[in-house]
Structures are given as C-alpha cells and as structure tokens.
Amino acid sequence: MIVLDSSFIIGFHNERDAHHGSALALMEQFLAGRWGRGLLLEYVFMEVTSVLLMRRDLATAERVGQVLLQAQELQFVPCSDFFSETLRTFVGQAGTRLSFTDAAISYVAQQRAEGLVLSFDDEFRKIPGLHLAQ
C-alpha cells in the first residue's frame, strides 16, 4: 500500500503543474501495481478538489473528485478515526513544517503503508520511517 498526497494527484490532473510530467510517469507505475493499492485520505480529497477549483475550475474539481472516489485502485480513508493522532503528530513535529493534512499522511503511512508516500513534498523526507516513491 501507498498513501497518495495532494501534490501527486494535482500534478497528474493539472497539465500546467510543474510536476505534471513526473506525475504521469509515477501514475503509470502506480496503475501497474508497483506499490499496491493507494490510500486516499479524506483530507487529501478535500485538498485536491479545493486546489483544483482555485487553479482550474469547478468542473475540473468535480470531475477529478468523481474519478478519485470511483477508482478501484484506491481505498478511501475517512480521517475522523485518527484525528487525535494526527493532531499529536502535527503539534509534536520538530524540524518539519507539515500541514495538518501532511501530518495525517505521515501517521497513516507509518501505520498502514510501511511509510510509503506518493508525493512531491520534500518535507516528508525529513521524517524518519517515511519514504517517497520514486
């Protein structure tokens, strides 16, 4: 399993994103099953659709949201069950600048995905036990 980050999903779906080319190559590997099933956190879904609304338009945000929710390769992960753990990760970070969503990704990746994250955010590299897919 691997946890998907917003930067990867947005990079894939937004042709104008600086990481679009890299996201295409990584998506090909993901869809081929290289890392197993993807975990899509509720917070990531919210971030992706919000950013796509701001950078593109509502139609793009809605279309991508539907694709994500219907993708057989993804398991949707509601976040309320581990809100307290995410909050502890967020407030207890040292030497990193993780957003609340990134703190949730960090927690879930360590608990359910052997620390594997599909992201372009280098902040994850600073966390012991996390590994960015390449």
N, C-alpha and C. Protein backbone atom coordinates (compact mmCIF):
# COMPACT_ATOMS: atom_id res chain seq x y z
N MET A 1 0.83 -1.19 0.00
CA MET A 1 0.00 0.00 0.00
C MET A 1 0.88 1.25 0.00
N ILE A 2 0.28 2.33 -0.48
CA ILE A 2 0.97 3.61 -0.53
C ILE A 2 -0.05 4.72 -0.30
N VAL A 3 0.35 5.76 0.42
CA VAL A 3 -0.54 6.89 0.68
C VAL A 3 -0.29 7.95 -0.40
N LEU A 4 -1.36 8.41 -1.03
CA LEU A 4 -1.26 9.43 -2.06
C LEU A 4 -1.39 10.82 -1.44
N ASP A 5 -0.51 11.72 -1.86
CA ASP A 5 -0.53 13.10 -1.40
C ASP A 5 -1.16 13.98 -2.47
N SER A 6 -1.65 15.11 -2.05
CA SER A 6 -2.28 16.07 -2.95
C SER A 6 -1.35 16.51 -4.07
N SER A 7 -0.07 16.73 -3.74
CA SER A 7 0.86 17.23 -4.76
C SER A 7 0.96 16.27 -5.95
N PHE A 8 0.90 14.98 -5.69
CA PHE A 8 0.95 13.99 -6.76
C PHE A 8 -0.34 14.02 -7.58
N ILE A 9 -1.47 13.99 -6.91
CA ILE A 9 -2.76 13.94 -7.61
C ILE A 9 -2.98 15.21 -8.42
N ILE A 10 -2.70 16.36 -7.82
CA ILE A 10 -2.86 17.63 -8.53
C ILE A 10 -1.88 17.71 -9.70
N GLY A 11 -0.65 17.29 -9.49
CA GLY A 11 0.33 17.28 -10.57
C GLY A 11 -0.11 16.44 -11.75
N PHE A 12 -0.75 15.33 -11.46
CA PHE A 12 -1.24 14.45 -12.52
C PHE A 12 -2.41 15.08 -13.28
N HIS A 13 -3.34 15.68 -12.57
CA HIS A 13 -4.56 16.17 -13.20
C HIS A 13 -4.47 17.60 -13.72
N ASN A 14 -3.41 18.32 -13.42
CA ASN A 14 -3.26 19.70 -13.88
C ASN A 14 -2.06 19.79 -14.82
N GLU A 15 -2.33 19.88 -16.11
CA GLU A 15 -1.26 19.93 -17.11
C GLU A 15 -0.32 21.10 -16.92
N ARG A 16 -0.78 22.14 -16.24
CA ARG A 16 0.05 23.33 -16.01
C ARG A 16 0.93 23.22 -14.76
N ASP A 17 0.79 22.13 -14.02
CA ASP A 17 1.56 21.95 -12.79
C ASP A 17 3.02 21.62 -13.12
N ALA A 18 3.94 22.14 -12.33
CA ALA A 18 5.38 21.91 -12.56
C ALA A 18 5.75 20.43 -12.48
N HIS A 19 4.97 19.63 -11.76
CA HIS A 19 5.28 18.21 -11.59
C HIS A 19 4.47 17.30 -12.52
N HIS A 20 3.78 17.88 -13.50
CA HIS A 20 2.89 17.09 -14.35
C HIS A 20 3.61 15.91 -15.03
N GLY A 21 4.75 16.17 -15.64
CA GLY A 21 5.48 15.11 -16.33
C GLY A 21 5.89 13.98 -15.40
N SER A 22 6.43 14.34 -14.25
CA SER A 22 6.82 13.33 -13.26
C SER A 22 5.61 12.58 -12.74
N ALA A 23 4.51 13.30 -12.54
CA ALA A 23 3.29 12.65 -12.05
C ALA A 23 2.76 11.64 -13.05
N LEU A 24 2.85 11.94 -14.33
CA LEU A 24 2.42 10.99 -15.36
C LEU A 24 3.22 9.69 -15.26
N ALA A 25 4.53 9.81 -15.13
CA ALA A 25 5.39 8.62 -15.03
C ALA A 25 5.10 7.82 -13.77
N LEU A 26 4.92 8.51 -12.66
CA LEU A 26 4.63 7.83 -11.40
C LEU A 26 3.24 7.19 -11.42
N MET A 27 2.27 7.84 -12.07
CA MET A 27 0.93 7.27 -12.16
C MET A 27 0.96 5.97 -12.97
N GLU A 28 1.76 5.95 -13.99
CA GLU A 28 1.88 4.73 -14.79
C GLU A 28 2.37 3.57 -13.91
N GLN A 29 3.37 3.84 -13.08
CA GLN A 29 3.89 2.81 -12.17
C GLN A 29 2.84 2.41 -11.13
N PHE A 30 2.13 3.41 -10.59
CA PHE A 30 1.10 3.12 -9.61
C PHE A 30 0.01 2.23 -10.20
N LEU A 31 -0.48 2.59 -11.39
CA LEU A 31 -1.55 1.82 -12.02
C LEU A 31 -1.09 0.42 -12.42
N ALA A 32 0.21 0.25 -12.62
CA ALA A 32 0.75 -1.08 -12.93
C ALA A 32 0.89 -1.93 -11.66
N GLY A 33 0.60 -1.34 -10.52
CA GLY A 33 0.61 -2.09 -9.26
C GLY A 33 1.93 -2.13 -8.53
N ARG A 34 2.85 -1.26 -8.88
CA ARG A 34 4.18 -1.29 -8.29
C ARG A 34 4.15 -1.20 -6.76
N TRP A 35 3.25 -0.37 -6.22
CA TRP A 35 3.21 -0.15 -4.77
C TRP A 35 1.94 -0.70 -4.14
N GLY A 36 1.14 -1.42 -4.89
CA GLY A 36 -0.11 -1.93 -4.36
C GLY A 36 -1.20 -0.87 -4.39
N ARG A 37 -2.20 -1.09 -3.59
CA ARG A 37 -3.36 -0.21 -3.56
C ARG A 37 -3.01 1.13 -2.91
N GLY A 38 -3.62 2.19 -3.40
CA GLY A 38 -3.39 3.52 -2.86
C GLY A 38 -4.39 3.87 -1.78
N LEU A 39 -3.92 4.57 -0.77
CA LEU A 39 -4.79 5.07 0.29
C LEU A 39 -5.05 6.55 0.03
N LEU A 40 -6.31 6.91 -0.12
CA LEU A 40 -6.72 8.29 -0.37
C LEU A 40 -7.40 8.81 0.89
N LEU A 41 -6.69 9.65 1.62
CA LEU A 41 -7.23 10.22 2.85
C LEU A 41 -8.31 11.25 2.52
N GLU A 42 -9.32 11.30 3.36
CA GLU A 42 -10.39 12.27 3.23
C GLU A 42 -9.83 13.70 3.14
N TYR A 43 -8.81 13.99 3.97
CA TYR A 43 -8.20 15.32 3.95
C TYR A 43 -7.55 15.61 2.59
N VAL A 44 -6.93 14.61 2.00
CA VAL A 44 -6.28 14.79 0.70
C VAL A 44 -7.34 15.06 -0.36
N PHE A 45 -8.44 14.30 -0.32
CA PHE A 45 -9.54 14.53 -1.26
C PHE A 45 -10.02 15.98 -1.17
N MET A 46 -10.22 16.46 0.06
CA MET A 46 -10.68 17.83 0.26
C MET A 46 -9.66 18.84 -0.29
N GLU A 47 -8.38 18.59 -0.05
CA GLU A 47 -7.33 19.50 -0.52
C GLU A 47 -7.26 19.51 -2.05
N VAL A 48 -7.31 18.33 -2.65
CA VAL A 48 -7.22 18.23 -4.12
C VAL A 48 -8.37 18.97 -4.78
N THR A 49 -9.58 18.70 -4.36
CA THR A 49 -10.72 19.34 -5.01
C THR A 49 -10.72 20.85 -4.79
N SER A 50 -10.29 21.29 -3.62
CA SER A 50 -10.22 22.74 -3.35
C SER A 50 -9.16 23.42 -4.20
N VAL A 51 -7.99 22.82 -4.30
CA VAL A 51 -6.91 23.41 -5.10
C VAL A 51 -7.29 23.43 -6.58
N LEU A 52 -7.88 22.35 -7.07
CA LEU A 52 -8.26 22.32 -8.48
C LEU A 52 -9.36 23.34 -8.78
N LEU A 53 -10.25 23.57 -7.83
CA LEU A 53 -11.25 24.61 -8.00
C LEU A 53 -10.58 25.97 -8.15
N MET A 54 -9.58 26.25 -7.31
CA MET A 54 -8.91 27.54 -7.34
C MET A 54 -8.00 27.70 -8.57
N ARG A 55 -7.28 26.65 -8.93
CA ARG A 55 -6.32 26.76 -10.03
C ARG A 55 -6.94 26.50 -11.40
N ARG A 56 -8.01 25.73 -11.43
CA ARG A 56 -8.68 25.42 -12.70
C ARG A 56 -10.11 25.93 -12.65
N ASP A 57 -11.07 25.05 -12.36
CA ASP A 57 -12.47 25.44 -12.28
C ASP A 57 -13.27 24.35 -11.57
N LEU A 58 -14.54 24.64 -11.31
CA LEU A 58 -15.39 23.70 -10.59
C LEU A 58 -15.57 22.40 -11.37
N ALA A 59 -15.71 22.48 -12.67
CA ALA A 59 -15.91 21.28 -13.47
C ALA A 59 -14.72 20.32 -13.33
N THR A 60 -13.52 20.86 -13.36
CA THR A 60 -12.32 20.03 -13.20
C THR A 60 -12.28 19.42 -11.81
N ALA A 61 -12.55 20.22 -10.79
CA ALA A 61 -12.55 19.72 -9.41
C ALA A 61 -13.58 18.61 -9.23
N GLU A 62 -14.76 18.80 -9.78
CA GLU A 62 -15.81 17.79 -9.66
C GLU A 62 -15.44 16.51 -10.42
N ARG A 63 -14.93 16.67 -11.64
CA ARG A 63 -14.54 15.50 -12.44
C ARG A 63 -13.46 14.69 -11.74
N VAL A 64 -12.42 15.34 -11.26
CA VAL A 64 -11.33 14.65 -10.58
C VAL A 64 -11.84 14.01 -9.29
N GLY A 65 -12.70 14.71 -8.56
CA GLY A 65 -13.28 14.14 -7.35
C GLY A 65 -14.01 12.84 -7.63
N GLN A 66 -14.81 12.82 -8.68
CA GLN A 66 -15.54 11.60 -9.05
C GLN A 66 -14.59 10.47 -9.46
N VAL A 67 -13.56 10.81 -10.22
CA VAL A 67 -12.57 9.81 -10.63
C VAL A 67 -11.92 9.18 -9.40
N LEU A 68 -11.54 10.02 -8.45
CA LEU A 68 -10.88 9.52 -7.24
C LEU A 68 -11.81 8.61 -6.43
N LEU A 69 -13.04 9.02 -6.27
CA LEU A 69 -13.97 8.24 -5.46
C LEU A 69 -14.36 6.91 -6.11
N GLN A 70 -14.29 6.85 -7.44
CA GLN A 70 -14.67 5.63 -8.15
C GLN A 70 -13.50 4.73 -8.51
N ALA A 71 -12.28 5.18 -8.29
CA ALA A 71 -11.09 4.41 -8.69
C ALA A 71 -10.97 3.12 -7.88
N GLN A 72 -10.91 2.01 -8.56
CA GLN A 72 -10.75 0.70 -7.91
C GLN A 72 -9.37 0.55 -7.27
N GLU A 73 -8.40 1.33 -7.74
CA GLU A 73 -7.03 1.25 -7.24
C GLU A 73 -6.85 1.97 -5.90
N LEU A 74 -7.90 2.69 -5.48
CA LEU A 74 -7.81 3.50 -4.26
C LEU A 74 -8.77 3.02 -3.18
N GLN A 75 -8.32 3.15 -1.97
CA GLN A 75 -9.18 2.92 -0.80
C GLN A 75 -9.36 4.26 -0.12
N PHE A 76 -10.60 4.72 0.01
CA PHE A 76 -10.90 5.98 0.66
C PHE A 76 -10.76 5.79 2.17
N VAL A 77 -10.05 6.72 2.83
CA VAL A 77 -9.78 6.61 4.26
C VAL A 77 -10.39 7.82 4.98
N PRO A 78 -11.54 7.61 5.67
CA PRO A 78 -12.08 8.70 6.49
C PRO A 78 -11.09 9.06 7.59
N CYS A 79 -11.01 10.33 7.92
CA CYS A 79 -9.96 10.79 8.84
C CYS A 79 -10.41 10.99 10.28
N SER A 80 -11.69 10.96 10.55
CA SER A 80 -12.15 11.24 11.92
C SER A 80 -11.64 10.22 12.92
N ASP A 81 -11.43 8.98 12.50
CA ASP A 81 -10.97 7.93 13.43
C ASP A 81 -9.58 8.17 13.98
N PHE A 82 -8.76 8.93 13.27
CA PHE A 82 -7.40 9.18 13.74
C PHE A 82 -7.08 10.67 13.85
N PHE A 83 -8.12 11.45 14.10
CA PHE A 83 -7.94 12.89 14.26
C PHE A 83 -6.98 13.20 15.42
N SER A 84 -7.16 12.54 16.56
CA SER A 84 -6.31 12.81 17.73
C SER A 84 -4.86 12.50 17.45
N GLU A 85 -4.61 11.38 16.77
CA GLU A 85 -3.23 11.01 16.42
C GLU A 85 -2.63 12.01 15.44
N THR A 86 -3.44 12.48 14.50
CA THR A 86 -2.98 13.49 13.55
C THR A 86 -2.64 14.78 14.27
N LEU A 87 -3.48 15.18 15.19
CA LEU A 87 -3.22 16.40 15.95
C LEU A 87 -1.93 16.27 16.74
N ARG A 88 -1.70 15.11 17.37
CA ARG A 88 -0.44 14.90 18.11
C ARG A 88 0.76 14.97 17.17
N THR A 89 0.64 14.38 16.00
CA THR A 89 1.73 14.44 15.02
C THR A 89 1.98 15.88 14.59
N PHE A 90 0.90 16.61 14.33
CA PHE A 90 1.01 18.00 13.88
C PHE A 90 1.68 18.89 14.92
N VAL A 91 1.21 18.84 16.16
CA VAL A 91 1.76 19.74 17.18
C VAL A 91 3.10 19.25 17.72
N GLY A 92 3.40 17.97 17.53
CA GLY A 92 4.65 17.43 18.05
C GLY A 92 5.79 17.41 17.06
N GLN A 93 5.56 17.95 15.86
CA GLN A 93 6.63 17.91 14.86
C GLN A 93 7.78 18.83 15.25
N ALA A 94 8.96 18.39 14.91
CA ALA A 94 10.17 19.17 15.18
C ALA A 94 11.06 19.08 13.94
N GLY A 95 11.47 20.22 13.44
CA GLY A 95 12.33 20.23 12.26
C GLY A 95 11.59 20.05 10.95
N THR A 96 10.26 20.05 10.98
CA THR A 96 9.47 19.96 9.76
C THR A 96 8.38 21.03 9.81
N ARG A 97 7.77 21.24 8.65
CA ARG A 97 6.65 22.18 8.55
C ARG A 97 5.50 21.48 7.83
N LEU A 98 4.99 20.42 8.46
CA LEU A 98 3.90 19.66 7.87
C LEU A 98 2.57 20.38 8.07
N SER A 99 1.78 20.42 7.03
CA SER A 99 0.40 20.89 7.19
C SER A 99 -0.36 19.83 7.99
N PHE A 100 -1.56 20.14 8.41
CA PHE A 100 -2.36 19.16 9.14
C PHE A 100 -2.62 17.94 8.26
N THR A 101 -2.91 18.17 6.99
CA THR A 101 -3.12 17.06 6.06
C THR A 101 -1.87 16.21 5.95
N ASP A 102 -0.70 16.85 5.86
CA ASP A 102 0.55 16.10 5.77
C ASP A 102 0.83 15.32 7.05
N ALA A 103 0.43 15.85 8.19
CA ALA A 103 0.59 15.12 9.44
C ALA A 103 -0.27 13.85 9.42
N ALA A 104 -1.47 13.95 8.85
CA ALA A 104 -2.33 12.77 8.71
C ALA A 104 -1.70 11.76 7.75
N ILE A 105 -1.14 12.24 6.65
CA ILE A 105 -0.47 11.35 5.70
C ILE A 105 0.68 10.63 6.39
N SER A 106 1.47 11.37 7.14
CA SER A 106 2.60 10.79 7.86
C SER A 106 2.13 9.69 8.80
N TYR A 107 1.11 9.97 9.57
CA TYR A 107 0.60 8.99 10.53
C TYR A 107 0.09 7.73 9.82
N VAL A 108 -0.75 7.91 8.82
CA VAL A 108 -1.34 6.75 8.12
C VAL A 108 -0.27 5.96 7.36
N ALA A 109 0.67 6.66 6.75
CA ALA A 109 1.73 5.96 6.02
C ALA A 109 2.52 5.06 6.96
N GLN A 110 2.81 5.54 8.16
CA GLN A 110 3.57 4.74 9.11
C GLN A 110 2.75 3.60 9.66
N GLN A 111 1.44 3.79 9.79
CA GLN A 111 0.58 2.77 10.37
C GLN A 111 0.13 1.71 9.36
N ARG A 112 -0.10 2.11 8.10
CA ARG A 112 -0.75 1.21 7.16
C ARG A 112 -0.01 0.98 5.85
N ALA A 113 1.05 1.75 5.59
CA ALA A 113 1.69 1.65 4.27
C ALA A 113 3.21 1.53 4.36
N GLU A 114 3.70 1.02 5.46
CA GLU A 114 5.15 0.85 5.65
C GLU A 114 5.93 2.12 5.37
N GLY A 115 5.30 3.27 5.61
CA GLY A 115 5.96 4.56 5.45
C GLY A 115 6.04 5.07 4.02
N LEU A 116 5.33 4.45 3.09
CA LEU A 116 5.44 4.81 1.68
C LEU A 116 4.42 5.87 1.29
N VAL A 117 4.92 6.97 0.68
CA VAL A 117 4.09 8.10 0.29
C VAL A 117 4.39 8.46 -1.16
N LEU A 118 3.35 8.75 -1.92
CA LEU A 118 3.49 9.19 -3.31
C LEU A 118 3.25 10.69 -3.31
N SER A 119 4.35 11.46 -3.33
CA SER A 119 4.28 12.91 -3.15
C SER A 119 5.49 13.59 -3.79
N PHE A 120 5.34 14.88 -4.02
CA PHE A 120 6.46 15.72 -4.45
C PHE A 120 6.92 16.64 -3.33
N ASP A 121 6.38 16.47 -2.15
CA ASP A 121 6.68 17.32 -1.00
C ASP A 121 7.91 16.79 -0.26
N ASP A 122 9.00 17.52 -0.34
CA ASP A 122 10.26 17.08 0.27
C ASP A 122 10.23 17.10 1.80
N GLU A 123 9.23 17.73 2.41
CA GLU A 123 9.12 17.73 3.87
C GLU A 123 9.01 16.30 4.39
N PHE A 124 8.39 15.43 3.62
CA PHE A 124 8.24 14.03 4.05
C PHE A 124 9.59 13.33 4.19
N ARG A 125 10.58 13.76 3.44
CA ARG A 125 11.92 13.14 3.52
C ARG A 125 12.57 13.38 4.88
N LYS A 126 12.13 14.38 5.60
CA LYS A 126 12.72 14.72 6.90
C LYS A 126 12.18 13.84 8.03
N ILE A 127 11.19 13.02 7.74
CA ILE A 127 10.53 12.22 8.78
C ILE A 127 11.07 10.80 8.76
N PRO A 128 11.71 10.38 9.86
CA PRO A 128 12.24 9.02 9.93
C PRO A 128 11.10 8.00 9.70
N GLY A 129 11.40 7.03 8.88
CA GLY A 129 10.42 5.98 8.61
C GLY A 129 9.54 6.23 7.42
N LEU A 130 9.58 7.44 6.83
CA LEU A 130 8.80 7.71 5.63
C LEU A 130 9.71 7.65 4.41
N HIS A 131 9.13 7.20 3.30
CA HIS A 131 9.87 7.08 2.04
C HIS A 131 8.98 7.57 0.90
N LEU A 132 9.54 8.43 0.07
CA LEU A 132 8.81 8.89 -1.10
C LEU A 132 9.02 7.90 -2.24
N ALA A 133 7.94 7.55 -2.91
CA ALA A 133 8.02 6.66 -4.07
C ALA A 133 8.77 7.38 -5.17
N GLN A 134 9.59 6.61 -5.88
CA GLN A 134 10.38 7.19 -6.97
C GLN A 134 10.30 6.32 -8.19
